[in-house]
């Protein structure tokens, strides 16, 4: 099994196959609409990967500027977005902490399953690195805009569980004034063989064994959504 850094550098297609299976219930988009109505909004997205979240947002928003540090991932995102026929998106390679866009460019700054890596790979200085990303998201926003961050609250769990390596990061977000909620965003695979293949590829042997033992075709997943107050739904 390649590690996560290697996956993002070289395995975009396999990763895209996996994330296409997540959230078959459609809970992510519903939750985002409740937190920040999307119609006529300009959006900036950090750490877009292969464009899983971008594909949900693009049909709903006015425009979306999409960033990721991996050109390999962005190429896969571009292929997927081009097939949609939409033209309200722009892709560019960028680090979370230095976004190539003017201040006050967006109504919504969003990142899914990505800023957590500043914690995982950030060493002792991770708080400062996460703070830089949050500051860039804030800089990108117009007055009243929202920041939204999605992260895992447990793969293979039916109720939210904060992974040990991310618990301090989640507390840090809350200390910065973020509210949060959670949803189920389960994976549904075509069959048991696909579940075993894709779960083993990204999550490792222990969860792959669990998939086999429990004969899972639907893999439970809990997702946390952290968000700043920003505009109210009525505005």
C-alpha atoms as a PDB file:
ATOM      1  CA  UNK A   1       0.000   0.000   0.000  1.00  0.00           C
ATOM      2  CA  UNK A   2       1.496   3.398  -0.942  1.00  0.00           C
ATOM      3  CA  UNK A   3       1.540   6.039   1.781  1.00  0.00           C
ATOM      4  CA  UNK A   4      -0.730   9.060   1.512  1.00  0.00           C
ATOM      5  CA  UNK A   5       1.944  11.368   0.114  1.00  0.00           C
ATOM      6  CA  UNK A   6       2.740   8.831  -2.607  1.00  0.00           C
ATOM      7  CA  UNK A   7      -0.950   8.423  -3.428  1.00  0.00           C
ATOM      8  CA  UNK A   8      -1.341  12.157  -3.997  1.00  0.00           C
ATOM      9  CA  UNK A   9       1.789  12.230  -6.188  1.00  0.00           C
ATOM     10  CA  UNK A  10       1.151   9.174  -8.352  1.00  0.00           C
ATOM     11  CA  UNK A  11      -2.201   7.446  -7.832  1.00  0.00           C
ATOM     12  CA  UNK A  12      -4.891   9.956  -8.753  1.00  0.00           C
ATOM     13  CA  UNK A  13      -7.031   7.497 -10.725  1.00  0.00           C
ATOM     14  CA  UNK A  14      -7.201   4.933  -7.941  1.00  0.00           C
ATOM     15  CA  UNK A  15      -7.905   7.672  -5.417  1.00  0.00           C
ATOM     16  CA  UNK A  16     -10.686   9.059  -7.630  1.00  0.00           C
ATOM     17  CA  UNK A  17     -12.266   5.608  -7.807  1.00  0.00           C
ATOM     18  CA  UNK A  18     -12.328   5.454  -4.027  1.00  0.00           C
ATOM     19  CA  UNK A  19     -13.772   8.889  -3.332  1.00  0.00           C
ATOM     20  CA  UNK A  20     -16.461   8.485  -5.992  1.00  0.00           C
ATOM     21  CA  UNK A  21     -17.877   5.774  -3.731  1.00  0.00           C
ATOM     22  CA  UNK A  22     -18.141   8.022  -0.675  1.00  0.00           C
ATOM     23  CA  UNK A  23     -21.355   9.714   0.472  1.00  0.00           C
ATOM     24  CA  UNK A  24     -23.794   7.695  -1.580  1.00  0.00           C
ATOM     25  CA  UNK A  25     -26.509   9.183   0.658  1.00  0.00           C
ATOM     26  CA  UNK A  26     -25.791  12.705  -0.654  1.00  0.00           C
ATOM     27  CA  UNK A  27     -25.414  14.147   2.843  1.00  0.00           C
ATOM     28  CA  UNK A  28     -22.390  16.355   2.159  1.00  0.00           C
ATOM     29  CA  UNK A  29     -24.056  18.716  -0.293  1.00  0.00           C
ATOM     30  CA  UNK A  30     -27.192  18.964   1.828  1.00  0.00           C
ATOM     31  CA  UNK A  31     -25.134  19.889   4.880  1.00  0.00           C
ATOM     32  CA  UNK A  32     -23.129  22.493   2.981  1.00  0.00           C
ATOM     33  CA  UNK A  33     -26.298  24.124   1.677  1.00  0.00           C
ATOM     34  CA  UNK A  34     -27.597  24.349   5.246  1.00  0.00           C
ATOM     35  CA  UNK A  35     -24.380  25.963   6.458  1.00  0.00           C
ATOM     36  CA  UNK A  36     -23.815  28.309   3.497  1.00  0.00           C
ATOM     37  CA  UNK A  37     -26.338  28.504   0.640  1.00  0.00           C
ATOM     38  CA  UNK A  38     -24.355  28.088  -2.568  1.00  0.00           C
ATOM     39  CA  UNK A  39     -26.384  29.833  -5.275  1.00  0.00           C
ATOM     40  CA  UNK A  40     -24.593  32.816  -6.868  1.00  0.00           C
ATOM     41  CA  UNK A  41     -21.544  32.373  -4.623  1.00  0.00           C
ATOM     42  CA  UNK A  42     -17.915  32.674  -5.688  1.00  0.00           C
ATOM     43  CA  UNK A  43     -15.937  29.862  -4.078  1.00  0.00           C
ATOM     44  CA  UNK A  44     -12.266  29.134  -3.448  1.00  0.00           C
ATOM     45  CA  UNK A  45     -11.366  25.517  -2.707  1.00  0.00           C
ATOM     46  CA  UNK A  46      -8.089  24.369  -1.151  1.00  0.00           C
ATOM     47  CA  UNK A  47      -6.702  20.867  -1.489  1.00  0.00           C
ATOM     48  CA  UNK A  48      -9.212  19.838  -4.131  1.00  0.00           C
ATOM     49  CA  UNK A  49      -7.482  16.595  -5.066  1.00  0.00           C
ATOM     50  CA  UNK A  50      -9.265  14.880  -7.944  1.00  0.00           C
ATOM     51  CA  UNK A  51     -12.230  17.261  -7.692  1.00  0.00           C
ATOM     52  CA  UNK A  52     -14.707  15.200  -5.698  1.00  0.00           C
ATOM     53  CA  UNK A  53     -15.980  18.242  -3.760  1.00  0.00           C
ATOM     54  CA  UNK A  54     -15.522  20.539  -6.753  1.00  0.00           C
ATOM     55  CA  UNK A  55     -17.901  18.389  -8.767  1.00  0.00           C
ATOM     56  CA  UNK A  56     -20.587  18.813  -6.127  1.00  0.00           C
ATOM     57  CA  UNK A  57     -20.128  22.570  -5.860  1.00  0.00           C
ATOM     58  CA  UNK A  58     -19.629  23.643  -9.485  1.00  0.00           C
ATOM     59  CA  UNK A  59     -23.245  23.095 -10.601  1.00  0.00           C
ATOM     60  CA  UNK A  60     -24.510  25.171  -7.658  1.00  0.00           C
ATOM     61  CA  UNK A  61     -22.154  28.148  -7.490  1.00  0.00           C
ATOM     62  CA  UNK A  62     -21.326  31.128  -9.714  1.00  0.00           C
ATOM     63  CA  UNK A  63     -17.604  30.362  -9.876  1.00  0.00           C
ATOM     64  CA  UNK A  64     -15.042  28.156  -8.178  1.00  0.00           C
ATOM     65  CA  UNK A  65     -11.271  28.634  -8.030  1.00  0.00           C
ATOM     66  CA  UNK A  66      -9.636  25.300  -7.304  1.00  0.00           C
ATOM     67  CA  UNK A  67      -6.186  24.758  -5.774  1.00  0.00           C
ATOM     68  CA  UNK A  68      -4.067  21.750  -4.867  1.00  0.00           C
ATOM     69  CA  UNK A  69      -0.343  21.259  -4.325  1.00  0.00           C
ATOM     70  CA  UNK A  70      -0.333  18.167  -6.577  1.00  0.00           C
ATOM     71  CA  UNK A  71      -0.394  18.731 -10.331  1.00  0.00           C
ATOM     72  CA  UNK A  72      -1.016  15.001 -10.678  1.00  0.00           C
ATOM     73  CA  UNK A  73      -4.280  15.323  -8.740  1.00  0.00           C
ATOM     74  CA  UNK A  74      -5.273  18.537 -10.526  1.00  0.00           C
ATOM     75  CA  UNK A  75      -4.943  16.885 -13.934  1.00  0.00           C
ATOM     76  CA  UNK A  76      -7.471  14.262 -12.855  1.00  0.00           C
ATOM     77  CA  UNK A  77      -9.760  16.998 -11.515  1.00  0.00           C
ATOM     78  CA  UNK A  78      -9.503  18.903 -14.803  1.00  0.00           C
ATOM     79  CA  UNK A  79     -10.489  15.827 -16.814  1.00  0.00           C
ATOM     80  CA  UNK A  80     -13.515  15.225 -14.608  1.00  0.00           C
ATOM     81  CA  UNK A  81     -14.642  18.862 -14.665  1.00  0.00           C
ATOM     82  CA  UNK A  82     -14.182  19.132 -18.433  1.00  0.00           C
ATOM     83  CA  UNK A  83     -16.497  16.155 -18.921  1.00  0.00           C
ATOM     84  CA  UNK A  84     -19.199  17.998 -16.964  1.00  0.00           C
ATOM     85  CA  UNK A  85     -19.363  20.689 -19.645  1.00  0.00           C
ATOM     86  CA  UNK A  86     -19.192  23.482 -17.073  1.00  0.00           C
ATOM     87  CA  UNK A  87     -16.834  26.444 -17.489  1.00  0.00           C
ATOM     88  CA  UNK A  88     -17.202  28.225 -14.156  1.00  0.00           C
ATOM     89  CA  UNK A  89     -14.018  26.730 -12.689  1.00  0.00           C
ATOM     90  CA  UNK A  90     -10.292  27.528 -12.731  1.00  0.00           C
ATOM     91  CA  UNK A  91      -7.512  25.219 -11.534  1.00  0.00           C
ATOM     92  CA  UNK A  92      -4.054  26.133 -10.270  1.00  0.00           C
ATOM     93  CA  UNK A  93      -1.298  24.460  -8.264  1.00  0.00           C
ATOM     94  CA  UNK A  94      -0.860  26.136  -4.889  1.00  0.00           C
ATOM     95  CA  UNK A  95       0.033  25.474  -1.285  1.00  0.00           C
ATOM     96  CA  UNK A  96      -2.744  26.062   1.253  1.00  0.00           C
ATOM     97  CA  UNK A  97      -0.622  28.715   2.924  1.00  0.00           C
ATOM     98  CA  UNK A  98       0.029  30.868  -0.161  1.00  0.00           C
ATOM     99  CA  UNK A  99      -2.927  31.222  -2.510  1.00  0.00           C
ATOM    100  CA  UNK A 100      -2.383  33.024  -5.825  1.00  0.00           C
ATOM    101  CA  UNK A 101      -5.530  35.129  -5.743  1.00  0.00           C
ATOM    102  CA  UNK A 102      -6.488  38.648  -4.640  1.00  0.00           C
ATOM    103  CA  UNK A 103      -7.937  39.341  -1.231  1.00  0.00           C
ATOM    104  CA  UNK A 104     -11.712  39.469  -1.061  1.00  0.00           C
ATOM    105  CA  UNK A 105     -12.217  37.161  -4.040  1.00  0.00           C
ATOM    106  CA  UNK A 106     -14.815  34.760  -2.678  1.00  0.00           C
ATOM    107  CA  UNK A 107     -17.938  34.317  -0.604  1.00  0.00           C
ATOM    108  CA  UNK A 108     -16.935  30.831   0.544  1.00  0.00           C
ATOM    109  CA  UNK A 109     -13.525  29.289   1.260  1.00  0.00           C
ATOM    110  CA  UNK A 110     -13.676  25.523   1.604  1.00  0.00           C
ATOM    111  CA  UNK A 111     -11.273  22.638   2.050  1.00  0.00           C
ATOM    112  CA  UNK A 112     -12.076  18.947   2.265  1.00  0.00           C
ATOM    113  CA  UNK A 113      -9.855  16.302   3.889  1.00  0.00           C
ATOM    114  CA  UNK A 114      -6.695  18.266   3.224  1.00  0.00           C
ATOM    115  CA  UNK A 115      -5.703  20.854   5.837  1.00  0.00           C
ATOM    116  CA  UNK A 116      -5.358  17.963   8.291  1.00  0.00           C
ATOM    117  CA  UNK A 117      -2.092  17.063   6.551  1.00  0.00           C
ATOM    118  CA  UNK A 118      -0.536  20.275   7.866  1.00  0.00           C
ATOM    119  CA  UNK A 119      -1.072  18.677  11.258  1.00  0.00           C
ATOM    120  CA  UNK A 120       0.048  15.178  10.275  1.00  0.00           C
ATOM    121  CA  UNK A 121       3.167  16.318   8.411  1.00  0.00           C
ATOM    122  CA  UNK A 122       3.767  19.615  10.234  1.00  0.00           C
ATOM    123  CA  UNK A 123       5.860  18.444  13.174  1.00  0.00           C
ATOM    124  CA  UNK A 124       5.954  20.554  16.294  1.00  0.00           C
ATOM    125  CA  UNK A 125       5.101  23.703  14.355  1.00  0.00           C
ATOM    126  CA  UNK A 126       1.831  22.371  12.961  1.00  0.00           C
ATOM    127  CA  UNK A 127      -0.344  24.954  14.725  1.00  0.00           C
ATOM    128  CA  UNK A 128       1.495  27.776  12.997  1.00  0.00           C
ATOM    129  CA  UNK A 129       1.167  26.046   9.630  1.00  0.00           C
ATOM    130  CA  UNK A 130      -2.548  25.430  10.072  1.00  0.00           C
ATOM    131  CA  UNK A 131      -2.950  29.053  11.172  1.00  0.00           C
ATOM    132  CA  UNK A 132      -1.319  30.204   7.919  1.00  0.00           C
ATOM    133  CA  UNK A 133      -3.848  28.217   5.883  1.00  0.00           C
ATOM    134  CA  UNK A 134      -6.753  29.586   7.909  1.00  0.00           C
ATOM    135  CA  UNK A 135      -5.430  33.116   7.446  1.00  0.00           C
ATOM    136  CA  UNK A 136      -5.242  32.609   3.676  1.00  0.00           C
ATOM    137  CA  UNK A 137      -8.815  31.340   3.593  1.00  0.00           C
ATOM    138  CA  UNK A 138      -9.921  34.359   5.588  1.00  0.00           C
ATOM    139  CA  UNK A 139      -7.955  36.706   3.312  1.00  0.00           C
ATOM    140  CA  UNK A 140      -9.705  35.270   0.275  1.00  0.00           C
ATOM    141  CA  UNK A 141     -13.146  36.104   1.667  1.00  0.00           C
ATOM    142  CA  UNK A 142     -15.339  39.129   1.224  1.00  0.00           C
ATOM    143  CA  UNK A 143     -17.009  40.567   4.334  1.00  0.00           C
ATOM    144  CA  UNK A 144     -19.543  38.087   5.704  1.00  0.00           C
ATOM    145  CA  UNK A 145     -17.992  35.106   3.917  1.00  0.00           C
ATOM    146  CA  UNK A 146     -17.628  31.638   5.406  1.00  0.00           C
ATOM    147  CA  UNK A 147     -14.798  29.203   5.878  1.00  0.00           C
ATOM    148  CA  UNK A 148     -15.725  25.486   5.824  1.00  0.00           C
ATOM    149  CA  UNK A 149     -13.387  22.581   6.539  1.00  0.00           C
ATOM    150  CA  UNK A 150     -14.367  18.924   6.145  1.00  0.00           C
ATOM    151  CA  UNK A 151     -12.368  16.147   7.818  1.00  0.00           C
ATOM    152  CA  UNK A 152     -12.865  12.524   8.808  1.00  0.00           C
ATOM    153  CA  UNK A 153     -14.501  11.563  12.081  1.00  0.00           C
ATOM    154  CA  UNK A 154     -13.950   7.871  11.655  1.00  0.00           C
ATOM    155  CA  UNK A 155     -13.783   5.405   8.774  1.00  0.00           C
ATOM    156  CA  UNK A 156     -15.541   2.172   9.678  1.00  0.00           C
ATOM    157  CA  UNK A 157     -17.468   3.877  12.496  1.00  0.00           C
ATOM    158  CA  UNK A 158     -21.202   4.545  12.674  1.00  0.00           C
ATOM    159  CA  UNK A 159     -20.793   7.306  15.291  1.00  0.00           C
ATOM    160  CA  UNK A 160     -18.152  10.069  15.216  1.00  0.00           C
ATOM    161  CA  UNK A 161     -14.722   9.168  16.565  1.00  0.00           C
ATOM    162  CA  UNK A 162     -11.900  11.707  16.512  1.00  0.00           C
ATOM    163  CA  UNK A 163      -8.752  10.000  15.211  1.00  0.00           C
ATOM    164  CA  UNK A 164      -6.016  10.303  17.802  1.00  0.00           C
ATOM    165  CA  UNK A 165      -3.572  11.952  15.396  1.00  0.00           C
ATOM    166  CA  UNK A 166      -6.135  14.657  14.520  1.00  0.00           C
ATOM    167  CA  UNK A 167      -7.849  15.316  17.858  1.00  0.00           C
ATOM    168  CA  UNK A 168      -5.561  18.243  18.776  1.00  0.00           C
ATOM    169  CA  UNK A 169      -6.083  19.768  15.327  1.00  0.00           C
ATOM    170  CA  UNK A 170      -9.860  19.624  15.726  1.00  0.00           C
ATOM    171  CA  UNK A 171      -9.593  21.275  19.144  1.00  0.00           C
ATOM    172  CA  UNK A 172      -7.396  23.944  17.567  1.00  0.00           C
ATOM    173  CA  UNK A 173     -10.090  24.722  14.978  1.00  0.00           C
ATOM    174  CA  UNK A 174     -12.667  25.037  17.727  1.00  0.00           C
ATOM    175  CA  UNK A 175     -10.337  27.285  19.715  1.00  0.00           C
ATOM    176  CA  UNK A 176     -10.172  29.520  16.625  1.00  0.00           C
ATOM    177  CA  UNK A 177     -13.949  30.001  16.766  1.00  0.00           C
ATOM    178  CA  UNK A 178     -15.130  27.259  14.425  1.00  0.00           C
ATOM    179  CA  UNK A 179     -18.444  25.593  15.110  1.00  0.00           C
ATOM    180  CA  UNK A 180     -18.860  22.011  13.959  1.00  0.00           C
ATOM    181  CA  UNK A 181     -21.348  19.301  13.130  1.00  0.00           C
ATOM    182  CA  UNK A 182     -21.096  15.794  11.768  1.00  0.00           C
ATOM    183  CA  UNK A 183     -22.804  13.705   9.126  1.00  0.00           C
ATOM    184  CA  UNK A 184     -22.635  10.162   7.791  1.00  0.00           C
ATOM    185  CA  UNK A 185     -20.913   9.930   4.413  1.00  0.00           C
ATOM    186  CA  UNK A 186     -20.711   6.165   3.914  1.00  0.00           C
ATOM    187  CA  UNK A 187     -18.923   4.499   1.023  1.00  0.00           C
ATOM    188  CA  UNK A 188     -20.989   2.134  -1.134  1.00  0.00           C
ATOM    189  CA  UNK A 189     -18.958  -0.137  -3.402  1.00  0.00           C
ATOM    190  CA  UNK A 190     -20.116  -2.136  -6.399  1.00  0.00           C
ATOM    191  CA  UNK A 191     -19.338  -5.410  -4.661  1.00  0.00           C
ATOM    192  CA  UNK A 192     -17.229  -6.934  -1.913  1.00  0.00           C
ATOM    193  CA  UNK A 193     -14.217  -7.361  -4.180  1.00  0.00           C
ATOM    194  CA  UNK A 194     -14.144  -3.650  -5.034  1.00  0.00           C
ATOM    195  CA  UNK A 195     -14.605  -2.749  -1.380  1.00  0.00           C
ATOM    196  CA  UNK A 196     -11.630  -4.894  -0.402  1.00  0.00           C
ATOM    197  CA  UNK A 197      -9.444  -3.529  -3.209  1.00  0.00           C
ATOM    198  CA  UNK A 198     -10.099   0.179  -2.666  1.00  0.00           C
ATOM    199  CA  UNK A 199     -10.224   0.109   1.122  1.00  0.00           C
ATOM    200  CA  UNK A 200      -6.929  -1.770   1.252  1.00  0.00           C
ATOM    201  CA  UNK A 201      -5.361   0.641  -1.231  1.00  0.00           C
ATOM    202  CA  UNK A 202      -6.021   3.773   0.833  1.00  0.00           C
ATOM    203  CA  UNK A 203      -6.850   2.753   4.404  1.00  0.00           C
ATOM    204  CA  UNK A 204      -4.568  -0.242   4.858  1.00  0.00           C
ATOM    205  CA  UNK A 205      -4.663  -3.893   5.775  1.00  0.00           C
ATOM    206  CA  UNK A 206      -6.407  -3.616   9.139  1.00  0.00           C
ATOM    207  CA  UNK A 207      -9.512  -1.961   7.705  1.00  0.00           C
ATOM    208  CA  UNK A 208      -9.351  -4.230   4.659  1.00  0.00           C
ATOM    209  CA  UNK A 209      -9.535  -7.260   6.985  1.00  0.00           C
ATOM    210  CA  UNK A 210     -12.516  -5.689   8.727  1.00  0.00           C
ATOM    211  CA  UNK A 211     -14.251  -5.240   5.382  1.00  0.00           C
ATOM    212  CA  UNK A 212     -13.709  -8.929   4.622  1.00  0.00           C
ATOM    213  CA  UNK A 213     -14.750 -10.149   8.070  1.00  0.00           C
ATOM    214  CA  UNK A 214     -17.954  -8.087   8.078  1.00  0.00           C
ATOM    215  CA  UNK A 215     -18.650  -8.657   4.375  1.00  0.00           C
ATOM    216  CA  UNK A 216     -19.035  -4.892   3.946  1.00  0.00           C
ATOM    217  CA  UNK A 217     -20.166  -3.416   0.666  1.00  0.00           C
ATOM    218  CA  UNK A 218     -21.232  -0.267   2.531  1.00  0.00           C
ATOM    219  CA  UNK A 219     -18.364   1.091   4.640  1.00  0.00           C
ATOM    220  CA  UNK A 220     -19.501   3.447   7.421  1.00  0.00           C
ATOM    221  CA  UNK A 221     -17.868   6.870   7.420  1.00  0.00           C
ATOM    222  CA  UNK A 222     -18.433   9.892   9.655  1.00  0.00           C
ATOM    223  CA  UNK A 223     -17.445  13.330   8.397  1.00  0.00           C
ATOM    224  CA  UNK A 224     -16.997  16.439  10.504  1.00  0.00           C
ATOM    225  CA  UNK A 225     -17.734  19.878   9.113  1.00  0.00           C
ATOM    226  CA  UNK A 226     -16.105  22.850  10.846  1.00  0.00           C
ATOM    227  CA  UNK A 227     -17.353  26.309   9.849  1.00  0.00           C
ATOM    228  CA  UNK A 228     -17.080  29.963  10.817  1.00  0.00           C
ATOM    229  CA  UNK A 229     -20.245  31.921  11.623  1.00  0.00           C
ATOM    230  CA  UNK A 230     -20.184  34.223   8.558  1.00  0.00           C
ATOM    231  CA  UNK A 231     -23.433  35.055   6.848  1.00  0.00           C
ATOM    232  CA  UNK A 232     -26.716  33.639   8.054  1.00  0.00           C
ATOM    233  CA  UNK A 233     -28.873  31.558   5.762  1.00  0.00           C
ATOM    234  CA  UNK A 234     -31.427  34.350   5.638  1.00  0.00           C
ATOM    235  CA  UNK A 235     -28.985  36.941   4.278  1.00  0.00           C
END
